[in-house]
Each structure stands twice: as C-alpha cells, then as structure tokens.
Amino acid sequence: MASEIRSFRPNTDVIMACHITGVYDVNRTTTLDNDKYELVRDWAESVAEHRLQGVIFHNNFSLETCEKFQNDYISFIKIDYNNQFNPNVYRYFVYHDFLQQHVQFFNNIFVTDITDVTLVNNPFIDPYFIENSTAIFCGDEPKKLHNDWMMDHSTHLRNNISDYAAYESKFGAETLLNCGIIGSKAPIFLDFIKKLCAIHETANSENQTAFTGDMGAFNYLARTQFNSQLIHGAPVNTVFKMYENERLDCWFRHK
C-alpha cells in the first residue's frame, strides 16, 4: 500500500471504496478497464459534494488520473492486488491493513461499492446514525437469506465452517444483507473487519468455485456475532437494483 497518505485530522468521518481492475469480475462477467475514471466518477463526486473525505484504493489508475481528479475531499491510494482473493474479498484486507495504521484518525467510517453506489445524504450528521452509536449499518436486498443464489454462493463456506449450515437454518427467513454498504463508529468497524478477514483467511482462501464468498461471509458474521447491532434498509440504502434515482430520503443509493 502506498506510504504517501493524506494527513487526516483527528475525528475525521470517512467513506472508503476499492476499485480493483484488470481482474475478471465474476459478478459482472467482464474485466473492468484499468484507467477509466468514469467508472468511479459518480461515487467520487457525490462524496465531494457533501464535503466528506473519500478514499479510493486502486491498483491501476495512472498517476495522471489521480492527480487530475484528487481534491480536498477525494484521495487516491494505490495498492498491490493479491490474486489469492477475488477483488470483492480482497478489499476487506485493504481496509483492515489501512485502518490498523490509521484508525486513530477516524471517528465514523463507511465502506461501499464504488461503481454502483452514490452518496445521497451525509449519514454522519443524521440523528439516527448519531443516536445508534453501537450499530453496524449495512445495505440489504428485498429477499430472504435463504435463496438459490445464496445457497450456491455459500457452498465453499458451508464446507469449511462447521456451524455455517446451522446459521443458514436459523437465519434463513431474515432479510439478505448486502455488503456493498457497511458503516459504524471506527472502533466497531475495525473489529468487524478484523473478524471478517479472519473468516476469509481460514475458510475462503482456497475457494475455486465461481462464487466469491463475500456475501456469504458477511451475512454469516453479521448475523452470528453482530445481529443485535444491525441496522439495514432505509435510511441506509435505497432498494437494491430498483434504480430509485429520484429518491432522496436515504444515505446511499445502491443501483
């Protein structure tokens, strides 16, 4: 990870995202272009519009692109991608490593997908966020945890985590959580990310299936260890894949 990192003021609120390209994306069934800023423009401009600090971790933006589009609010940090993990999973190791060194600067944190998420309202000044100081806020989808895609997606984890099937049975009727949006106060977030990375290291590092395991591991950890702290859906996110472009009552728009 790059050492030239912007000096953050203490108690900064930050929104972070990873943009890893040059690797086949199994969810999109394509490989994203290496130096195409348009893929992240909407995310970056929405964060800057609210005068929040946004950090884009990337592996292939050119120095010229970074210098052109960085500003008082948006920072670019170059990373080396480890192909042991799919990009959807590796991003959590990026956040973990970064926060291990810099968490003391941050008060509140959100991490999001970057090509299909935009910021609509500043969550950090919303009384609902402030009053729920121990919560983990996250995205969700209009479906239950027990669905065909998640069952297929989680095959590798089910084979490597002894109580995974029991968790699926217990929480199968609960709402499917979406890891494209995750946020909380900084110490809670770092604890969550540490535990999420540990799951991927021990149970997902040898995954050779067509499914990345990111949604499975996230839902498993959230439901089994943080269920009483979870807040998802409105006002955190719009309805996933409903393209509610006119909706202004949520913090994040997710497709």
Protein backbone atom coordinates (compact mmCIF):
# COMPACT_ATOMS: atom_id res chain seq x y z
CA MET A 1 0.00 0.00 0.00
CA ALA A 2 1.25 3.47 -0.82
CA SER A 3 3.01 5.29 2.00
CA GLU A 4 2.08 8.75 0.78
CA ILE A 5 -1.22 9.06 2.61
CA ARG A 6 -3.01 12.31 3.22
CA SER A 7 -2.77 13.62 6.77
CA PHE A 8 -6.25 13.27 8.22
CA ARG A 9 -7.39 15.45 11.06
CA PRO A 10 -8.44 13.65 14.25
CA ASN A 11 -12.09 12.59 14.37
CA THR A 12 -12.48 12.57 10.61
CA ASP A 13 -15.55 10.94 9.09
CA VAL A 14 -14.58 8.95 6.01
CA ILE A 15 -16.15 6.94 3.20
CA MET A 16 -13.85 4.43 1.52
CA ALA A 17 -14.06 2.20 -1.53
CA CYS A 18 -11.85 -0.14 -3.54
CA HIS A 19 -11.53 -0.09 -7.31
CA ILE A 20 -9.57 -3.14 -8.44
CA THR A 21 -9.27 -3.62 -12.19
CA GLY A 22 -7.51 -5.88 -14.66
CA VAL A 23 -9.09 -8.91 -12.99
CA TYR A 24 -12.06 -10.84 -14.35
CA ASP A 25 -15.14 -9.89 -12.36
CA VAL A 26 -17.30 -12.96 -11.86
CA ASN A 27 -20.31 -10.89 -10.83
CA ARG A 28 -20.19 -8.61 -13.88
CA THR A 29 -18.73 -11.33 -16.14
CA THR A 30 -16.25 -8.82 -17.51
CA THR A 31 -12.88 -7.21 -16.77
CA LEU A 32 -13.03 -3.53 -15.85
CA ASP A 33 -10.78 -1.11 -17.75
CA ASN A 34 -7.67 -0.14 -15.83
CA ASP A 35 -7.65 3.65 -16.08
CA LYS A 36 -11.26 4.64 -16.65
CA TYR A 37 -12.22 7.31 -14.13
CA GLU A 38 -15.81 7.39 -15.39
CA LEU A 39 -16.42 4.15 -13.51
CA VAL A 40 -15.92 5.92 -10.16
CA ARG A 41 -16.87 9.50 -11.06
CA ASP A 42 -20.43 9.40 -9.69
CA TRP A 43 -19.25 7.97 -6.37
CA ALA A 44 -16.42 10.48 -6.01
CA GLU A 45 -18.49 13.50 -6.98
CA SER A 46 -21.32 12.53 -4.65
CA VAL A 47 -18.92 12.27 -1.70
CA ALA A 48 -17.15 15.52 -2.54
CA GLU A 49 -20.48 17.30 -2.99
CA HIS A 50 -21.21 16.62 0.69
CA ARG A 51 -17.71 17.77 1.67
CA LEU A 52 -16.83 14.42 3.14
CA GLN A 53 -13.49 12.69 2.99
CA GLY A 54 -13.48 9.92 0.42
CA VAL A 55 -10.64 7.44 -0.13
CA ILE A 56 -10.36 5.39 -3.30
CA PHE A 57 -7.99 2.43 -3.05
CA HIS A 58 -6.98 1.32 -6.53
CA ASN A 59 -4.45 -0.81 -8.31
CA ASN A 60 -4.39 0.62 -11.83
CA PHE A 61 -5.26 4.30 -12.05
CA SER A 62 -2.43 6.25 -13.64
CA LEU A 63 -0.62 8.95 -11.71
CA GLU A 64 -2.03 11.46 -14.19
CA THR A 65 -5.59 10.37 -13.47
CA CYS A 66 -5.07 10.55 -9.71
CA GLU A 67 -3.50 14.00 -9.88
CA LYS A 68 -6.27 15.26 -12.15
CA PHE A 69 -9.17 14.13 -10.00
CA GLN A 70 -7.89 14.26 -6.44
CA ASN A 71 -9.13 17.26 -4.49
CA ASP A 72 -9.73 18.49 -0.95
CA TYR A 73 -12.16 15.62 -0.41
CA ILE A 74 -11.11 12.71 -2.61
CA SER A 75 -7.83 10.84 -2.12
CA PHE A 76 -6.37 8.04 -4.22
CA ILE A 77 -4.23 5.35 -2.58
CA LYS A 78 -2.51 2.79 -4.76
CA ILE A 79 -2.44 -0.82 -3.60
CA ASP A 80 -0.92 -4.07 -4.80
CA TYR A 81 -3.61 -6.61 -5.56
CA ASN A 82 -3.17 -10.11 -4.13
CA ASN A 83 -4.83 -12.54 -6.53
CA GLN A 84 -5.19 -15.17 -3.83
CA PHE A 85 -8.56 -13.49 -3.22
CA ASN A 86 -11.24 -12.18 -5.54
CA PRO A 87 -11.36 -8.34 -5.57
CA ASN A 88 -14.72 -8.43 -3.75
CA VAL A 89 -12.97 -10.17 -0.87
CA TYR A 90 -9.53 -8.60 -1.05
CA ARG A 91 -10.96 -5.12 -0.42
CA TYR A 92 -11.59 -6.05 3.21
CA PHE A 93 -7.91 -6.82 3.71
CA VAL A 94 -7.12 -3.43 2.19
CA TYR A 95 -9.42 -1.67 4.66
CA HIS A 96 -8.07 -3.75 7.54
CA ASP A 97 -4.43 -3.01 6.78
CA PHE A 98 -5.12 0.69 6.28
CA LEU A 99 -7.10 1.05 9.49
CA GLN A 100 -4.57 -0.90 11.51
CA GLN A 101 -2.25 2.04 10.89
CA HIS A 102 -4.70 4.94 10.72
CA VAL A 103 -7.87 4.16 12.67
CA GLN A 104 -6.92 6.72 15.32
CA PHE A 105 -7.71 9.49 12.86
CA PHE A 106 -11.28 8.41 12.22
CA ASN A 107 -14.50 8.86 14.11
CA ASN A 108 -17.01 7.21 11.77
CA ILE A 109 -16.48 5.03 8.70
CA PHE A 110 -18.46 3.72 5.78
CA VAL A 111 -17.11 1.45 3.05
CA THR A 112 -19.13 0.95 -0.11
CA ASP A 113 -19.09 -0.48 -3.58
CA ILE A 114 -17.88 2.21 -5.94
CA THR A 115 -19.26 1.67 -9.45
CA ASP A 116 -22.91 1.33 -8.45
CA VAL A 117 -23.23 3.28 -5.17
CA THR A 118 -23.59 7.04 -4.68
CA LEU A 119 -23.99 9.17 -1.58
CA VAL A 120 -27.35 10.90 -1.30
CA ASN A 121 -27.21 12.30 2.24
CA ASN A 122 -24.46 12.65 4.82
CA PRO A 123 -25.10 9.79 7.28
CA PHE A 124 -22.74 11.11 9.91
CA ILE A 125 -24.91 14.12 10.77
CA ASP A 126 -28.18 12.21 10.78
CA PRO A 127 -29.57 11.90 14.33
CA TYR A 128 -30.45 8.28 13.55
CA PHE A 129 -26.77 7.49 12.97
CA ILE A 130 -25.62 9.52 15.96
CA GLU A 131 -28.15 8.04 18.37
CA ASN A 132 -27.29 4.45 17.38
CA SER A 133 -23.65 4.67 18.40
CA THR A 134 -23.10 0.91 18.74
CA ALA A 135 -24.84 -0.03 15.49
CA ILE A 136 -23.45 -1.57 12.35
CA PHE A 137 -25.30 -0.07 9.41
CA CYS A 138 -25.40 -2.02 6.17
CA GLY A 139 -27.20 -2.46 2.91
CA ASP A 140 -29.82 -5.08 2.23
CA GLU A 141 -31.84 -6.63 -0.58
CA PRO A 142 -35.57 -7.30 -0.98
CA LYS A 143 -35.16 -11.04 -0.49
CA LYS A 144 -34.50 -13.54 2.26
CA LEU A 145 -31.17 -15.04 3.23
CA HIS A 146 -32.40 -18.44 2.09
CA ASN A 147 -32.48 -18.14 -1.70
CA ASP A 148 -30.99 -20.16 -4.52
CA TRP A 149 -28.19 -17.71 -5.30
CA MET A 150 -27.01 -17.52 -1.71
CA MET A 151 -27.17 -21.28 -1.35
CA ASP A 152 -24.89 -21.66 -4.38
CA HIS A 153 -22.73 -18.71 -3.35
CA SER A 154 -22.05 -20.23 0.06
CA THR A 155 -21.14 -23.81 -0.89
CA HIS A 156 -17.43 -23.34 -0.18
CA LEU A 157 -18.07 -21.63 3.16
CA ARG A 158 -20.58 -24.30 4.15
CA ASN A 159 -17.91 -26.92 3.57
CA ASN A 160 -15.32 -25.05 5.63
CA ILE A 161 -17.23 -23.51 8.56
CA SER A 162 -18.63 -26.08 10.97
CA ASP A 163 -21.73 -24.11 12.01
CA TYR A 164 -22.48 -22.48 8.66
CA ALA A 165 -25.40 -24.74 7.80
CA ALA A 166 -26.86 -24.19 11.27
CA TYR A 167 -26.59 -20.41 10.78
CA GLU A 168 -28.37 -20.72 7.41
CA SER A 169 -31.17 -22.66 9.06
CA LYS A 170 -31.51 -20.22 11.96
CA PHE A 171 -31.46 -17.02 9.90
CA GLY A 172 -32.85 -18.26 6.59
CA ALA A 173 -36.05 -16.23 6.89
CA GLU A 174 -34.19 -13.00 7.73
CA THR A 175 -33.52 -10.23 5.21
CA LEU A 176 -30.48 -10.74 2.99
CA LEU A 177 -27.83 -8.21 3.97
CA ASN A 178 -25.68 -6.60 1.28
CA CYS A 179 -22.00 -5.93 1.95
CA GLY A 180 -21.89 -3.15 -0.66
CA ILE A 181 -22.54 -0.70 2.17
CA ILE A 182 -21.11 -1.11 5.68
CA GLY A 183 -20.60 1.58 8.32
CA SER A 184 -20.24 2.29 12.02
CA LYS A 185 -18.09 4.11 14.51
CA ALA A 186 -14.42 3.44 13.76
CA PRO A 187 -13.55 1.03 16.61
CA ILE A 188 -16.61 -1.11 15.91
CA PHE A 189 -15.87 -1.11 12.21
CA LEU A 190 -12.25 -2.21 12.71
CA ASP A 191 -13.37 -5.05 14.99
CA PHE A 192 -15.88 -6.19 12.38
CA ILE A 193 -13.36 -6.05 9.53
CA LYS A 194 -10.76 -7.97 11.57
CA LYS A 195 -13.24 -10.77 12.13
CA LEU A 196 -14.38 -10.73 8.51
CA CYS A 197 -10.81 -11.04 7.23
CA ALA A 198 -10.17 -13.90 9.65
CA ILE A 199 -13.13 -15.78 8.15
CA HIS A 200 -11.83 -15.26 4.64
CA GLU A 201 -8.31 -16.33 5.63
CA THR A 202 -9.39 -19.54 7.29
CA ALA A 203 -12.46 -20.54 5.25
CA ASN A 204 -12.31 -18.81 1.88
CA SER A 205 -8.67 -18.63 0.80
CA GLU A 206 -8.82 -21.82 -1.24
CA ASN A 207 -12.12 -21.01 -2.94
CA GLN A 208 -12.03 -22.23 -6.54
CA THR A 209 -15.78 -22.00 -7.14
CA ALA A 210 -17.50 -19.48 -9.40
CA PHE A 211 -18.78 -17.67 -6.30
CA THR A 212 -16.63 -15.22 -4.34
CA GLY A 213 -17.94 -15.88 -0.84
CA ASP A 214 -18.07 -12.19 0.10
CA MET A 215 -21.82 -12.10 0.62
CA GLY A 216 -21.83 -15.40 2.46
CA ALA A 217 -19.06 -14.48 4.88
CA PHE A 218 -20.54 -11.04 5.52
CA ASN A 219 -24.03 -12.32 6.30
CA TYR A 220 -22.62 -15.13 8.44
CA LEU A 221 -20.51 -12.79 10.58
CA ALA A 222 -23.16 -10.09 10.82
CA ARG A 223 -25.92 -12.47 11.85
CA THR A 224 -23.94 -14.72 14.21
CA GLN A 225 -21.87 -12.10 16.05
CA PHE A 226 -23.45 -8.69 15.48
CA ASN A 227 -27.13 -9.39 14.92
CA SER A 228 -28.35 -7.23 17.81
CA GLN A 229 -26.37 -4.27 16.44
CA LEU A 230 -27.54 -4.44 12.81
CA ILE A 231 -29.49 -1.62 11.15
CA HIS A 232 -30.20 -2.09 7.45
CA GLY A 233 -32.52 -0.81 4.76
CA ALA A 234 -33.91 2.72 4.84
CA PRO A 235 -32.50 5.18 5.68
CA VAL A 236 -29.19 3.42 4.98
CA ASN A 237 -29.90 2.38 1.40
CA THR A 238 -32.45 2.58 -1.37
CA VAL A 239 -33.98 -0.67 -2.57
CA PHE A 240 -31.21 -2.67 -4.23
CA LYS A 241 -31.40 -2.80 -8.04
CA MET A 242 -34.56 -0.71 -8.18
CA TYR A 243 -32.64 2.31 -9.57
CA GLU A 244 -34.55 4.76 -7.36
CA ASN A 245 -32.75 7.76 -8.81
CA GLU A 246 -35.28 10.30 -7.58
CA ARG A 247 -35.32 9.05 -4.03
CA LEU A 248 -33.74 11.50 -1.58
CA ASP A 249 -34.57 10.04 1.84
CA CYS A 250 -31.69 7.54 2.19
CA TRP A 251 -27.99 7.92 2.79
CA PHE A 252 -26.81 5.79 -0.12
CA ARG A 253 -28.28 4.85 -3.49
CA HIS A 254 -27.32 1.29 -4.50
CA LYS A 255 -28.29 0.88 -8.15
